[in-house]
Protein backbone atom coordinates (compact mmCIF):
# COMPACT_ATOMS: atom_id res chain seq x y z
CA MET A 1 -80.61 225.17 -209.48
CA SER A 2 -79.11 221.91 -208.59
CA GLN A 3 -79.40 219.77 -205.65
CA MET A 4 -75.58 220.48 -204.58
CA THR A 5 -75.96 224.31 -205.18
CA MET A 6 -79.05 224.23 -202.86
CA MET A 7 -77.26 222.25 -199.96
CA SER A 8 -75.51 224.54 -197.02
CA PRO A 9 -71.90 224.67 -196.84
CA GLU A 10 -69.68 222.82 -194.59
CA ILE A 11 -67.73 224.72 -192.32
CA ARG A 12 -64.25 223.78 -191.21
CA LYS A 13 -61.39 225.09 -189.05
CA CYS A 14 -57.92 226.37 -190.68
CA ASN A 15 -55.12 224.27 -189.84
CA ASN A 16 -53.00 227.33 -190.04
CA CYS A 17 -55.17 230.08 -188.44
CA SER A 18 -57.72 228.24 -186.15
CA GLN A 19 -60.33 230.54 -187.95
CA ASN A 20 -63.50 228.97 -189.42
CA PHE A 21 -63.98 228.64 -193.06
CA ALA A 22 -66.58 227.35 -195.44
CA ILE A 23 -66.35 224.83 -198.22
CA ASP A 24 -69.62 225.19 -200.70
CA PRO A 25 -71.10 222.22 -202.21
CA ASP A 26 -70.09 223.21 -205.46
CA ASP A 27 -66.24 223.47 -204.25
CA PHE A 28 -66.52 219.83 -203.28
CA GLY A 29 -67.69 219.23 -206.98
CA PHE A 30 -64.52 220.78 -208.19
CA TYR A 31 -62.30 218.83 -205.79
CA GLU A 32 -63.64 215.71 -206.86
CA GLN A 33 -63.09 216.35 -210.84
CA MET A 34 -59.53 217.39 -209.71
CA HIS A 35 -59.12 214.47 -207.83
CA VAL A 36 -57.81 216.20 -204.62
CA PRO A 37 -59.05 216.08 -200.94
CA PRO A 38 -60.70 219.10 -199.57
CA PRO A 39 -58.47 221.89 -198.55
CA THR A 40 -57.34 222.20 -194.99
CA TRP A 41 -56.16 225.82 -194.67
CA CYS A 42 -58.74 228.85 -195.23
CA PRO A 43 -58.71 230.76 -198.55
CA ASP A 44 -56.62 233.71 -197.30
CA CYS A 45 -54.00 231.35 -195.75
CA ARG A 46 -53.94 229.45 -199.09
CA MET A 47 -53.39 232.53 -200.77
CA MET A 48 -50.64 233.68 -198.31
CA ARG A 49 -48.66 230.41 -198.71
CA ARG A 50 -48.95 230.58 -202.88
CA MET A 51 -47.84 234.43 -202.75
CA GLY A 52 -45.00 233.89 -200.45
CA TRP A 53 -43.49 231.35 -203.17
CA PHE A 54 -43.81 234.27 -205.66
CA GLY A 55 -40.38 235.95 -205.57
CA TYR A 56 -40.13 237.98 -208.42
CA ARG A 57 -38.80 241.59 -207.80
CA ILE A 58 -35.85 241.57 -205.38
CA LEU A 59 -32.44 241.39 -207.37
CA HIS A 60 -28.90 240.14 -206.42
CA LYS A 61 -25.66 239.54 -207.80
CA ARG A 62 -24.08 235.82 -207.63
CA LYS A 63 -21.72 233.67 -209.58
CA CYS A 64 -23.33 231.25 -212.09
CA ASP A 65 -22.40 227.72 -210.94
CA PHE A 66 -22.06 226.58 -214.38
CA THR A 67 -19.82 229.41 -215.97
CA GLY A 68 -18.37 231.26 -212.92
CA ASP A 69 -19.64 234.36 -214.10
CA ASN A 70 -21.32 237.34 -212.17
CA VAL A 71 -24.87 237.26 -212.95
CA ILE A 72 -28.07 239.34 -211.91
CA THR A 73 -30.49 237.03 -210.47
CA VAL A 74 -33.73 237.00 -208.06
CA TYR A 75 -32.05 234.26 -205.99
CA HIS A 76 -29.98 235.75 -203.11
CA PRO A 77 -26.14 234.56 -202.50
CA ASP A 78 -27.23 232.81 -199.25
CA VAL A 79 -29.74 230.72 -200.93
CA PRO A 80 -28.19 227.16 -201.25
CA ASN A 81 -29.55 226.27 -204.87
CA LYS A 82 -27.70 226.01 -207.95
CA ILE A 83 -28.10 229.06 -210.33
CA TYR A 84 -27.14 228.84 -213.82
CA ARG A 85 -27.09 231.62 -216.43
CA GLN A 86 -30.26 232.07 -218.28
CA ASP A 87 -28.94 230.88 -221.87
CA ILE A 88 -26.94 227.93 -219.94
CA TRP A 89 -30.24 226.77 -217.98
CA TRP A 90 -32.14 226.76 -221.18
CA SER A 91 -29.52 225.04 -223.32
CA ASP A 92 -28.56 221.34 -223.79
CA LYS A 93 -25.50 221.86 -222.07
CA TRP A 94 -26.76 219.83 -218.72
CA ASP A 95 -29.56 217.47 -218.28
CA PRO A 96 -31.93 218.04 -215.60
CA LYS A 97 -33.03 214.04 -215.62
CA SER A 98 -29.30 213.39 -214.28
CA TYR A 99 -30.58 214.35 -211.36
CA GLY A 100 -33.22 212.14 -211.00
CA ARG A 101 -33.68 209.67 -208.18
CA ASP A 102 -35.56 206.98 -206.92
CA TYR A 103 -38.48 207.45 -204.43
CA ASP A 104 -37.81 206.47 -201.04
CA PHE A 105 -40.78 205.34 -199.07
CA SER A 106 -38.98 205.60 -195.89
CA LYS A 107 -39.23 209.35 -196.14
CA SER A 108 -41.39 211.75 -196.77
CA PHE A 109 -42.62 213.26 -200.27
CA PHE A 110 -41.93 216.94 -199.37
CA GLU A 111 -38.74 216.01 -197.62
CA GLN A 112 -37.42 214.14 -200.77
CA PHE A 113 -39.08 216.85 -203.23
CA MET A 114 -36.82 219.83 -201.21
CA GLU A 115 -33.42 217.56 -201.53
CA LEU A 116 -34.33 217.71 -205.23
CA PHE A 117 -35.26 221.33 -205.46
CA LYS A 118 -31.83 222.28 -203.74
CA THR A 119 -29.87 220.25 -205.94
CA VAL A 120 -31.47 221.11 -209.84
CA PRO A 121 -30.03 224.18 -211.04
CA LEU A 122 -32.47 227.25 -211.52
CA PRO A 123 -32.28 229.95 -213.83
CA ALA A 124 -30.83 233.32 -212.50
CA LEU A 125 -33.85 235.28 -213.77
CA HIS A 126 -37.17 233.83 -214.87
CA THR A 127 -37.78 235.83 -218.27
CA ALA A 128 -37.57 234.89 -221.88
CA HIS A 129 -34.12 235.53 -221.97
CA SER A 130 -33.69 235.51 -225.88
CA THR A 131 -36.54 238.16 -226.29
CA MET A 132 -34.54 240.67 -223.78
CA ILE A 133 -32.83 243.61 -225.55
CA ASN A 134 -30.89 245.82 -223.28
CA SER A 135 -32.98 244.76 -220.51
CA GLU A 136 -30.62 242.89 -218.11
CA TYR A 137 -32.36 244.01 -214.87
CA CYS A 138 -35.85 242.81 -215.54
CA ASN A 139 -37.56 239.60 -214.45
CA ALA A 140 -40.51 237.87 -214.81
CA ALA A 141 -40.62 239.59 -218.20
CA SER A 142 -40.46 239.07 -222.18
CA ASP A 143 -40.13 241.01 -225.42
CA LEU A 144 -38.57 243.88 -223.49
CA LYS A 145 -36.32 246.59 -225.30
CA ASN A 146 -34.21 249.18 -223.50
CA SER A 147 -35.72 248.75 -220.15
CA TYR A 148 -34.70 248.88 -216.62
CA LEU A 149 -36.39 247.44 -213.29
CA ALA A 150 -39.22 246.12 -215.32
CA PHE A 151 -41.04 243.09 -213.65
CA LYS A 152 -44.02 240.84 -214.78
CA SER A 153 -43.82 242.85 -217.74
CA ASP A 154 -43.66 242.24 -221.74
CA ARG A 155 -43.84 243.46 -225.21
CA SER A 156 -42.31 247.10 -224.22
CA GLU A 157 -39.93 249.16 -225.18
CA ASN A 158 -38.06 252.32 -223.23
CA ILE A 159 -40.05 251.42 -219.71
CA ALA A 160 -38.36 251.72 -216.12
CA TYR A 161 -39.63 250.66 -212.83
CA THR A 162 -42.72 248.79 -213.91
CA ALA A 163 -44.73 245.95 -212.50
CA ALA A 164 -47.75 243.87 -214.07
CA THR A 165 -47.53 245.81 -217.32
CA SER A 166 -47.93 244.94 -221.22
CA ASP A 167 -47.43 247.29 -224.33
CA LEU A 168 -45.90 249.97 -222.80
CA LYS A 169 -43.72 252.64 -225.01
CA ASP A 170 -41.70 255.60 -222.88
CA CYS A 171 -43.42 254.59 -219.60
CA LEU A 172 -41.80 255.23 -215.90
CA ASP A 173 -43.08 254.06 -212.66
CA THR A 174 -46.19 252.24 -213.78
CA SER A 175 -47.87 249.26 -212.81
CA PHE A 176 -50.83 247.23 -213.36
CA THR A 177 -51.27 249.01 -216.94
CA ASN A 178 -51.35 248.12 -220.73
CA HIS A 179 -51.14 249.52 -223.91
CA CYS A 180 -50.02 252.74 -222.83
CA GLU A 181 -47.53 255.51 -223.86
CA LEU A 182 -45.72 258.42 -221.95
CA ASN A 183 -47.45 257.41 -218.67
CA TYR A 184 -45.85 258.60 -215.27
CA GLU A 185 -46.74 257.29 -211.76
CA VAL A 186 -50.00 255.51 -212.68
CA ILE A 187 -51.60 252.40 -211.85
CA ASN A 188 -54.38 250.25 -213.52
CA ASN A 189 -54.54 252.29 -216.69
CA ASN A 190 -55.32 251.41 -220.04
CA LYS A 191 -54.62 252.85 -223.54
CA CYS A 192 -53.63 256.22 -222.37
CA TYR A 193 -51.48 258.31 -223.68
CA GLU A 194 -49.56 261.18 -221.68
CA THR A 195 -51.29 260.58 -218.38
CA PHE A 196 -49.60 261.16 -215.19
CA PHE A 197 -50.33 260.56 -211.51
CA SER A 198 -53.64 258.77 -212.29
CA GLN A 199 -55.56 255.44 -211.77
CA ASP A 200 -58.34 253.67 -213.31
CA CYS A 201 -58.42 255.64 -216.40
CA ASP A 202 -59.16 254.37 -220.05
CA ASP A 203 -58.69 255.87 -223.22
CA CYS A 204 -57.35 258.93 -222.09
CA HIS A 205 -54.94 261.86 -223.11
CA ASN A 206 -53.27 264.49 -221.03
CA ILE A 207 -54.66 263.56 -217.82
CA TRP A 208 -53.04 264.59 -214.27
CA PHE A 209 -53.91 263.45 -210.65
CA SER A 210 -57.05 261.59 -211.85
CA GLN A 211 -59.62 258.48 -211.41
CA ASP A 212 -61.84 256.25 -213.30
CA LEU A 213 -61.86 258.66 -216.34
CA VAL A 214 -62.93 257.28 -219.76
CA GLY A 215 -62.43 259.02 -223.01
CA CYS A 216 -61.13 261.99 -221.30
CA SER A 217 -58.29 264.41 -222.37
CA ASP A 218 -56.73 267.31 -220.52
CA CYS A 219 -57.98 267.26 -216.95
CA MET A 220 -56.36 267.46 -213.83
CA GLY A 221 -57.58 266.19 -210.57
CA CYS A 222 -60.87 264.46 -211.70
CA ILE A 223 -63.17 261.52 -211.19
CA ASN A 224 -65.78 259.53 -212.87
CA LEU A 225 -65.93 261.77 -216.22
CA ARG A 226 -66.75 260.30 -219.29
CA SER A 227 -65.54 262.06 -222.69
CA LYS A 228 -64.87 265.43 -221.22
CA LYS A 229 -61.89 267.70 -221.47
CA TYR A 230 -60.70 271.02 -219.89
CA HIS A 231 -61.71 270.22 -216.35
CA ILE A 232 -60.20 270.59 -213.14
CA LEU A 233 -61.78 268.98 -209.80
CA ASN A 234 -64.39 268.30 -212.17
CA GLN A 235 -65.20 271.62 -212.86
CA SER A 236 -65.35 272.74 -216.65
CA TYR A 237 -63.45 275.63 -218.22
CA THR A 238 -62.46 276.73 -221.73
CA LYS A 239 -59.03 275.63 -223.16
CA GLU A 240 -57.70 279.06 -222.10
CA GLU A 241 -58.93 279.03 -218.45
CA TYR A 242 -57.72 275.74 -218.34
CA LEU A 243 -54.14 276.42 -219.44
CA LYS A 244 -53.91 279.28 -217.11
CA GLU A 245 -55.03 277.21 -213.95
CA VAL A 246 -52.82 274.76 -214.42
CA GLU A 247 -49.78 276.86 -214.83
CA LYS A 248 -50.53 278.33 -211.46
CA LEU A 249 -50.16 275.15 -209.77
CA ASN A 250 -46.14 274.69 -210.23
CA LEU A 251 -46.13 270.98 -210.86
CA GLY A 252 -42.54 270.98 -211.61
CA SER A 253 -42.00 271.31 -207.80
CA SER A 254 -42.33 268.45 -205.45
CA GLN A 255 -44.35 270.78 -203.00
CA GLY A 256 -46.53 271.66 -205.54
CA ILE A 257 -47.08 268.04 -206.85
CA ALA A 258 -48.21 267.22 -203.09
CA ASP A 259 -50.50 270.50 -202.61
CA PHE A 260 -52.48 269.69 -205.36
CA GLN A 261 -52.24 265.92 -204.81
CA LYS A 262 -54.01 266.61 -201.50
CA LYS A 263 -56.32 268.71 -202.87
CA ALA A 264 -57.63 265.86 -205.26
CA ASN A 265 -57.67 263.33 -202.82
CA GLU A 266 -60.08 265.43 -200.51
CA PHE A 267 -62.19 266.26 -203.60
CA PHE A 268 -62.22 262.51 -204.56
CA LEU A 269 -64.04 261.45 -201.05
CA THR A 270 -66.99 263.81 -201.93
CA GLN A 271 -67.70 261.29 -205.35
CA PRO A 272 -69.06 258.10 -205.21
CA ARG A 273 -67.24 255.06 -206.44
CA LYS A 274 -68.46 251.70 -207.76
CA ASN A 275 -68.38 248.92 -205.68
CA PHE A 276 -65.93 247.06 -207.86
CA HIS A 277 -63.20 247.62 -210.27
CA GLY A 278 -63.91 246.39 -213.66
CA GLN A 279 -66.52 245.51 -216.44
CA LYS A 280 -68.41 242.78 -217.30
CA ALA A 281 -68.43 240.76 -213.93
CA TYR A 282 -71.16 238.37 -214.82
CA GLY A 283 -72.21 235.99 -211.49
CA SER A 284 -68.74 237.18 -210.11
CA SER A 285 -67.35 238.51 -206.94
CA GLY A 286 -63.91 240.44 -205.83
CA ASP A 287 -62.32 243.08 -207.08
CA TYR A 288 -60.90 244.22 -210.55
CA LEU A 289 -62.67 242.21 -212.54
CA TYR A 290 -62.65 242.35 -216.35
CA ASN A 291 -64.87 240.36 -218.62
CA ALA A 292 -65.21 238.01 -215.76
CA LYS A 293 -67.80 234.85 -215.65
CA ASN A 294 -68.43 233.01 -212.69
CA SER A 295 -65.57 234.07 -210.70
CA LYS A 296 -65.73 234.34 -207.18
CA ASN A 297 -63.80 235.62 -204.72
CA CYS A 298 -61.23 236.71 -207.28
CA TYR A 299 -58.90 239.61 -207.52
CA TRP A 300 -57.46 241.15 -210.91
CA VAL A 301 -58.80 238.55 -213.32
CA ALA A 302 -59.31 239.14 -216.92
CA GLU A 303 -61.49 236.78 -219.79
CA THR A 304 -62.01 234.09 -217.15
CA GLU A 305 -64.64 231.88 -216.44
CA ASP A 306 -65.82 229.33 -213.40
CA LEU A 307 -62.90 230.49 -210.63
CA ARG A 308 -62.86 230.68 -207.34
CA TYR A 309 -59.84 232.25 -205.03
CA CYS A 310 -57.76 233.26 -208.00
CA GLN A 311 -55.60 236.04 -207.92
CA LEU A 312 -53.30 238.22 -210.41
CA LEU A 313 -54.46 236.17 -213.60
CA GLN A 314 -53.87 239.30 -215.76
CA ALA A 315 -53.08 237.28 -218.68
CA ILE A 316 -56.22 236.28 -220.57
CA ASN A 317 -58.19 233.45 -220.55
CA ALA A 318 -58.46 231.12 -217.48
CA ALA A 319 -61.17 228.93 -216.72
CA LYS A 320 -62.14 225.79 -214.34
CA SER A 321 -59.45 226.71 -211.57
CA TYR A 322 -59.31 227.15 -208.05
CA ASP A 323 -56.59 228.87 -205.94
CA TYR A 324 -54.53 229.99 -208.82
CA THR A 325 -52.11 232.93 -208.61
CA ALA A 326 -50.51 234.94 -211.31
CA PHE A 327 -50.43 234.64 -215.12
CA ALA A 328 -52.73 232.42 -217.06
CA TYR A 329 -52.95 232.90 -220.60
CA ASN A 330 -55.12 229.83 -222.04
CA ALA A 331 -55.12 227.83 -218.71
CA GLU A 332 -57.92 225.72 -217.27
CA TRP A 333 -58.23 222.87 -214.50
CA ILE A 334 -55.45 224.73 -212.31
CA TYR A 335 -55.44 224.22 -208.43
CA GLU A 336 -53.22 225.52 -205.83
CA SER A 337 -50.60 226.71 -207.99
CA CYS A 338 -48.64 230.05 -208.82
CA TRP A 339 -47.09 231.87 -212.02
CA VAL A 340 -48.28 228.83 -214.33
CA GLY A 341 -50.05 229.25 -217.87
CA ILE A 342 -49.69 229.29 -221.37
CA ASN A 343 -51.84 226.55 -222.87
CA THR A 344 -51.49 224.67 -219.38
CA GLN A 345 -54.33 222.05 -217.90
CA GLN A 346 -54.28 219.87 -215.15
CA VAL A 347 -51.86 221.59 -212.99
CA LYS A 348 -51.86 221.21 -209.35
CA PHE A 349 -49.70 221.97 -206.24
CA SER A 350 -46.73 223.98 -208.81
CA PHE A 351 -44.90 226.78 -209.31
CA TRP A 352 -43.69 228.14 -212.95
CA ASN A 353 -44.73 225.88 -215.61
CA TYR A 354 -45.58 226.77 -219.14
CA SER A 355 -47.07 224.65 -221.59
CA ALA A 356 -47.61 222.06 -219.38
CA HIS A 357 -50.36 219.29 -218.65
CA ASP A 358 -50.96 216.79 -215.94
CA ILE A 359 -48.40 217.82 -213.30
CA GLU A 360 -48.24 217.82 -209.61
CA TYR A 361 -45.90 219.39 -207.30
CA SER A 362 -43.31 220.53 -209.77
CA PHE A 363 -41.35 223.71 -210.25
CA GLY A 364 -40.02 224.88 -213.51
CA CYS A 365 -41.18 222.28 -216.15
CA HIS A 366 -42.02 223.47 -219.26
CA GLY A 367 -43.36 221.82 -222.19
CA GLY A 368 -44.34 218.50 -220.79
CA GLY A 369 -46.70 216.59 -218.67
CA ASN A 370 -47.39 213.39 -216.64
CA LEU A 371 -44.77 214.77 -213.90
CA PHE A 372 -44.75 214.56 -210.34
CA GLY A 373 -42.43 216.05 -208.04
CA CYS A 374 -40.10 217.53 -210.83
CA VAL A 375 -37.82 220.51 -210.93
CA GLY A 376 -36.54 222.13 -214.29
CA LEU A 377 -37.49 219.40 -217.00
CA ARG A 378 -38.54 220.72 -220.32
CA LYS A 379 -40.61 218.63 -222.49
CA GLY A 380 -40.31 215.59 -219.87
CA GLU A 381 -43.02 212.74 -219.86
CA TYR A 382 -43.74 210.32 -216.97
CA CYS A 383 -41.02 211.58 -214.52
CA ILE A 384 -40.98 211.40 -210.73
CA LEU A 385 -38.44 213.16 -208.88
CA ASN A 386 -36.60 213.81 -212.41
CA LYS A 387 -36.45 210.21 -212.78
CA GLN A 388 -37.80 208.34 -215.95
CA TYR A 389 -40.24 205.68 -215.93
CA ALA A 390 -42.65 204.12 -218.53
CA LYS A 391 -46.36 205.02 -218.40
CA GLU A 392 -47.80 202.41 -216.67
CA GLU A 393 -45.00 202.10 -213.79
CA TYR A 394 -45.28 206.25 -213.49
CA LEU A 395 -49.18 205.92 -213.06
CA GLU A 396 -48.82 203.00 -210.38
CA LEU A 397 -46.34 204.41 -208.76
CA VAL A 398 -47.86 208.18 -208.55
CA GLU A 399 -50.80 206.60 -206.91
CA LYS A 400 -48.45 204.77 -204.14
CA ILE A 401 -46.76 207.86 -203.29
CA LYS A 402 -50.19 209.99 -202.78
CA LYS A 403 -51.35 207.46 -200.35
CA GLN A 404 -47.79 207.40 -198.45
CA MET A 405 -48.28 211.50 -198.44
CA MET A 406 -51.46 210.81 -196.43
CA ASP A 407 -50.15 208.17 -194.18
CA MET A 408 -46.65 209.95 -193.85
CA PRO A 409 -46.92 213.41 -193.47
CA TYR A 410 -44.52 216.20 -193.53
CA ILE A 411 -44.26 218.04 -190.04
CA ASP A 412 -42.93 221.55 -190.43
CA LYS A 413 -41.11 223.72 -187.85
CA LEU A 414 -44.36 224.56 -186.59
CA GLY A 415 -45.88 221.61 -185.92
CA ARG A 416 -48.20 221.57 -189.04
CA GLU A 417 -48.97 218.62 -190.96
CA TYR A 418 -48.58 218.38 -194.87
CA ARG A 419 -50.20 215.96 -196.56
CA TYR A 420 -51.25 215.34 -200.36
CA GLY A 421 -53.41 217.96 -201.38
CA GLU A 422 -51.18 220.86 -199.55
CA PHE A 423 -49.04 223.47 -201.50
CA TRP A 424 -45.34 223.02 -200.53
CA PRO A 425 -44.03 224.32 -196.82
CA MET A 426 -43.38 228.06 -196.49
CA GLU A 427 -39.98 227.14 -194.77
CA PHE A 428 -38.35 225.80 -197.67
CA CYS A 429 -39.01 229.00 -199.99
CA PRO A 430 -35.84 230.37 -201.58
CA TRP A 431 -37.43 233.85 -201.16
CA ALA A 432 -37.80 235.32 -197.77
CA TYR A 433 -41.42 236.95 -197.25
CA ASN A 434 -40.34 240.53 -197.56
CA GLU A 435 -39.14 239.46 -200.96
CA THR A 436 -42.37 238.40 -202.37
CA THR A 437 -45.66 238.95 -203.77
CA ALA A 438 -47.27 238.30 -200.39
CA PHE A 439 -45.33 240.97 -198.71
CA GLU A 440 -46.83 243.61 -201.48
CA PHE A 441 -50.32 242.26 -200.82
CA LEU A 442 -50.54 241.01 -197.43
CA ALA A 443 -47.86 243.08 -195.51
CA LEU A 444 -46.59 241.32 -192.24
CA THR A 445 -43.93 242.36 -189.99
CA LYS A 446 -40.98 240.50 -189.47
CA GLU A 447 -42.20 239.04 -186.07
CA GLN A 448 -45.58 237.92 -187.62
CA ALA A 449 -43.91 236.37 -190.85
CA LEU A 450 -41.57 234.36 -188.81
CA ALA A 451 -44.27 233.15 -186.22
CA VAL A 452 -46.52 231.99 -189.08
CA GLY A 453 -43.33 229.90 -190.63
CA PHE A 454 -41.93 232.51 -193.13
CA ASN A 455 -38.23 232.87 -193.78
CA TRP A 456 -37.21 236.95 -193.57
CA ARG A 457 -34.22 238.70 -195.00
CA ASP A 458 -32.86 241.64 -193.19
CA GLU A 459 -31.30 244.67 -195.46
CA ASP A 460 -27.82 244.60 -195.14
CA LYS A 461 -27.30 248.50 -193.93
CA ARG A 462 -23.53 248.34 -194.13
CA GLU A 463 -24.16 248.86 -198.31
CA TYR A 464 -26.21 252.07 -197.48
CA ARG A 465 -24.16 255.01 -198.49
CA SER A 466 -24.76 258.72 -197.81
CA ALA A 467 -26.09 260.77 -200.46
CA THR A 468 -23.73 262.66 -202.52
CA MET A 469 -26.76 264.95 -203.55
CA VAL A 470 -29.49 266.81 -202.29
CA VAL A 471 -32.42 266.71 -204.78
CA PRO A 472 -33.70 270.06 -205.81
CA ASP A 473 -37.62 270.68 -205.07
CA HIS A 474 -38.21 272.16 -208.65
CA ILE A 475 -37.06 270.14 -211.87
CA LYS A 476 -35.68 273.21 -213.41
CA ASP A 477 -33.01 273.34 -210.58
CA VAL A 478 -31.94 269.78 -211.40
CA PRO A 479 -28.29 269.76 -212.71
CA GLU A 480 -27.03 267.21 -215.47
CA ASP A 481 -24.65 265.71 -212.98
CA ILE A 482 -27.50 264.12 -211.08
CA LEU A 483 -26.94 260.97 -213.32
CA LYS A 484 -23.75 260.62 -211.35
CA ALA A 485 -25.00 261.08 -207.94
CA ILE A 486 -26.11 258.79 -205.14
CA LEU A 487 -29.73 259.56 -203.77
CA GLN A 488 -31.21 258.29 -200.75
CA CYS A 489 -34.61 257.09 -199.78
CA ASP A 490 -36.27 257.54 -196.58
CA CYS A 491 -35.78 253.81 -196.01
CA GLY A 492 -31.98 254.06 -195.87
CA LYS A 493 -31.85 252.57 -199.80
CA ASN A 494 -29.66 254.37 -202.38
CA TYR A 495 -30.79 254.79 -205.68
CA GLN A 496 -29.84 256.63 -208.83
CA ILE A 497 -31.86 258.75 -211.74
CA ILE A 498 -30.75 256.83 -215.25
CA PRO A 499 -30.59 259.14 -218.39
CA MET A 500 -34.24 258.16 -219.97
CA GLU A 501 -35.90 258.69 -216.69
CA LEU A 502 -34.13 262.38 -216.48
CA GLN A 503 -35.26 263.17 -219.98
CA PHE A 504 -38.57 262.19 -219.22
CA LEU A 505 -39.12 264.35 -215.97
CA ARG A 506 -37.42 267.26 -217.77
CA ARG A 507 -40.03 267.02 -220.99
CA PHE A 508 -42.87 266.81 -218.83
CA LYS A 509 -41.75 269.57 -216.21
CA ILE A 510 -42.03 266.72 -213.01
CA PRO A 511 -39.66 266.74 -210.21
CA VAL A 512 -37.12 264.09 -209.38
CA PRO A 513 -38.66 261.60 -207.18
CA ARG A 514 -37.57 261.90 -203.43
CA HIS A 515 -37.96 257.78 -202.82
CA CYS A 516 -36.17 254.86 -204.38
CA PRO A 517 -37.99 252.71 -206.72
CA LEU A 518 -39.15 249.97 -204.57
CA CYS A 519 -40.69 252.71 -202.02
CA ARG A 520 -42.64 254.08 -205.10
CA HIS A 521 -43.75 250.47 -206.26
CA TYR A 522 -45.17 249.92 -202.85
CA GLY A 523 -46.76 253.49 -202.87
CA ARG A 524 -48.56 252.58 -205.92
CA LEU A 525 -49.72 249.01 -204.39
CA LYS A 526 -51.06 250.90 -201.55
CA LEU A 527 -53.51 252.80 -204.09
CA LEU A 528 -55.16 249.39 -205.01
CA ASN A 529 -58.28 247.99 -202.74
CA PRO A 530 -57.23 245.04 -200.74
CA ILE A 531 -57.89 241.44 -201.45
CA LYS A 532 -61.29 241.49 -199.36
CA VAL A 533 -64.86 241.20 -199.70
CA PHE A 534 -67.02 243.16 -197.23
CA ASP A 535 -70.86 243.43 -196.76
CA HIS A 536 -71.73 246.71 -197.58
CA THR A 537 -74.76 249.20 -198.42
CA CYS A 538 -75.23 251.19 -201.91
CA ALA A 539 -74.92 254.83 -200.48
CA LYS A 540 -77.77 255.89 -202.80
CA CYS A 541 -80.20 253.26 -203.08
CA GLN A 542 -79.65 251.02 -199.80
CA LYS A 543 -79.01 248.04 -201.60
CA ALA A 544 -76.90 245.50 -200.06
CA ILE A 545 -73.78 244.70 -201.85
CA GLN A 546 -70.22 243.30 -201.51
CA THR A 547 -67.11 245.22 -202.19
CA SER A 548 -63.39 245.70 -201.62
CA TYR A 549 -64.06 249.05 -199.63
CA ALA A 550 -64.55 248.04 -195.89
CA PRO A 551 -67.35 249.66 -194.12
CA ASP A 552 -65.48 252.00 -192.04
CA ARG A 553 -63.61 253.75 -195.06
CA PRO A 554 -64.58 257.40 -196.12
CA GLU A 555 -65.28 256.53 -199.61
CA ILE A 556 -68.81 256.92 -200.98
CA VAL A 557 -69.71 253.62 -202.51
CA TYR A 558 -72.70 252.79 -204.79
CA CYS A 559 -73.86 249.68 -206.50
CA GLU A 560 -73.21 249.26 -210.29
CA ALA A 561 -76.37 250.32 -211.20
CA CYS A 562 -76.54 253.93 -209.31
CA TYR A 563 -72.91 254.22 -210.13
CA GLN A 564 -73.50 254.05 -213.86
CA ALA A 565 -76.43 256.34 -213.75
CA GLU A 566 -74.31 258.83 -211.93
CA VAL A 567 -71.52 258.87 -214.38
CA VAL A 568 -72.97 258.71 -217.79
């Protein structure tokens, strides 16, 4: 063990929430290597600030500022930024460098960057648009065909209402799931076929209302099983008995679904849970860790090494990074950035950058490097505020700007100082808090969000319409003209049933959903454990463990060794 590792952490007070937080000696080593000052905000506040810049799911209609066409976009019509249709934005019909400007040392950096940010056009959607076939209402996506309201999804066909998925076929209402076919209302499944209302299942077939199954088939309301079939609430049946019992459940009825789900949930509380979700987490802490090495305080990361305070890096291979949220895929040396990846290195304080290197404080810059405070550049090198410089001039000016950022901080509307080393101020974000990933995982009320400096966007309830049909309880009673009906969720929003959805529900005898797609999405997210780590005790061996299950939760939590002994 190195002398640095043996030293005690340094305790500092967060400049946002005023709570104490620790900076470990190894953390200081990372900051030195990245040539950045230590953080002034605690890890939770830094994460909330990054996630508060990640709006990807709420869609709007507005005009393309280049063509005048109506476009689907993630930018509300009231957002002052220019918006271009995707094919225009990625084309040579405009030049991002034409918006370049000189740096003004009489003004703060953040003020000048935001002036540029509001001037340079942004794409209506953030997708690989040339790979999207009949999938206009999707975002943060690529390689989709015949898909609808699919977000953070790729390489899939005939999917709808998905989030954070890949390699799916014929799936609806699916989140954090990969390599699956014919799944419905599932979360965190992998390589599953015909699986419904289930989570944390791997390599399973014909599974309903179950959790943490591996290699199972024909199971209903089961948990912690391995290579089993014809089980209900973990009890074994013959095939004939199983089919007879399933028929009694009346799962084509919304009431039948609710009744059995309640029974399954009550049964699950009698069975143990592993202290974390995932596998092969060596020297790592957090939850949803898959093949993670030395990845601490992380949440939902895969194929990673030497990370800390990172979340939602579901695309594989991220290394040597701190405070990194969303995406990845061969990314290393990333700090305080969101939605960057694809062969990306040395990125700091930036958002939505692919195939990039050595960039800081930049938004939507792809295929380039050595950029500081740039927006929308593609294959750019040695630019500041979108203005081109010679290499030597660029390097010299960047150092002067960093010094000025320390000497002349930006003061936000709450009086907080933003110097070099801080992510962007929240008040300039084009997305309201309730349109972002922060709202999904760190829900705040409108009053709470405004109090800490975020924006908020209220729903225009004038757009709500009364339902034209009462949804029948049983799928067998649903008429064909439901496809023309306006339905209304408890939240007030209207929604409709699309043809592939009705076909799927009828095929598997599943009742029509009573809630809108967004509420269903939030409902699945509530099934996930929080982005928190608590000190706990194994309920079997009494060993001290860390887990995302809070000590006051009702679940029975085991350490990994005791859990594996239980389920094998």
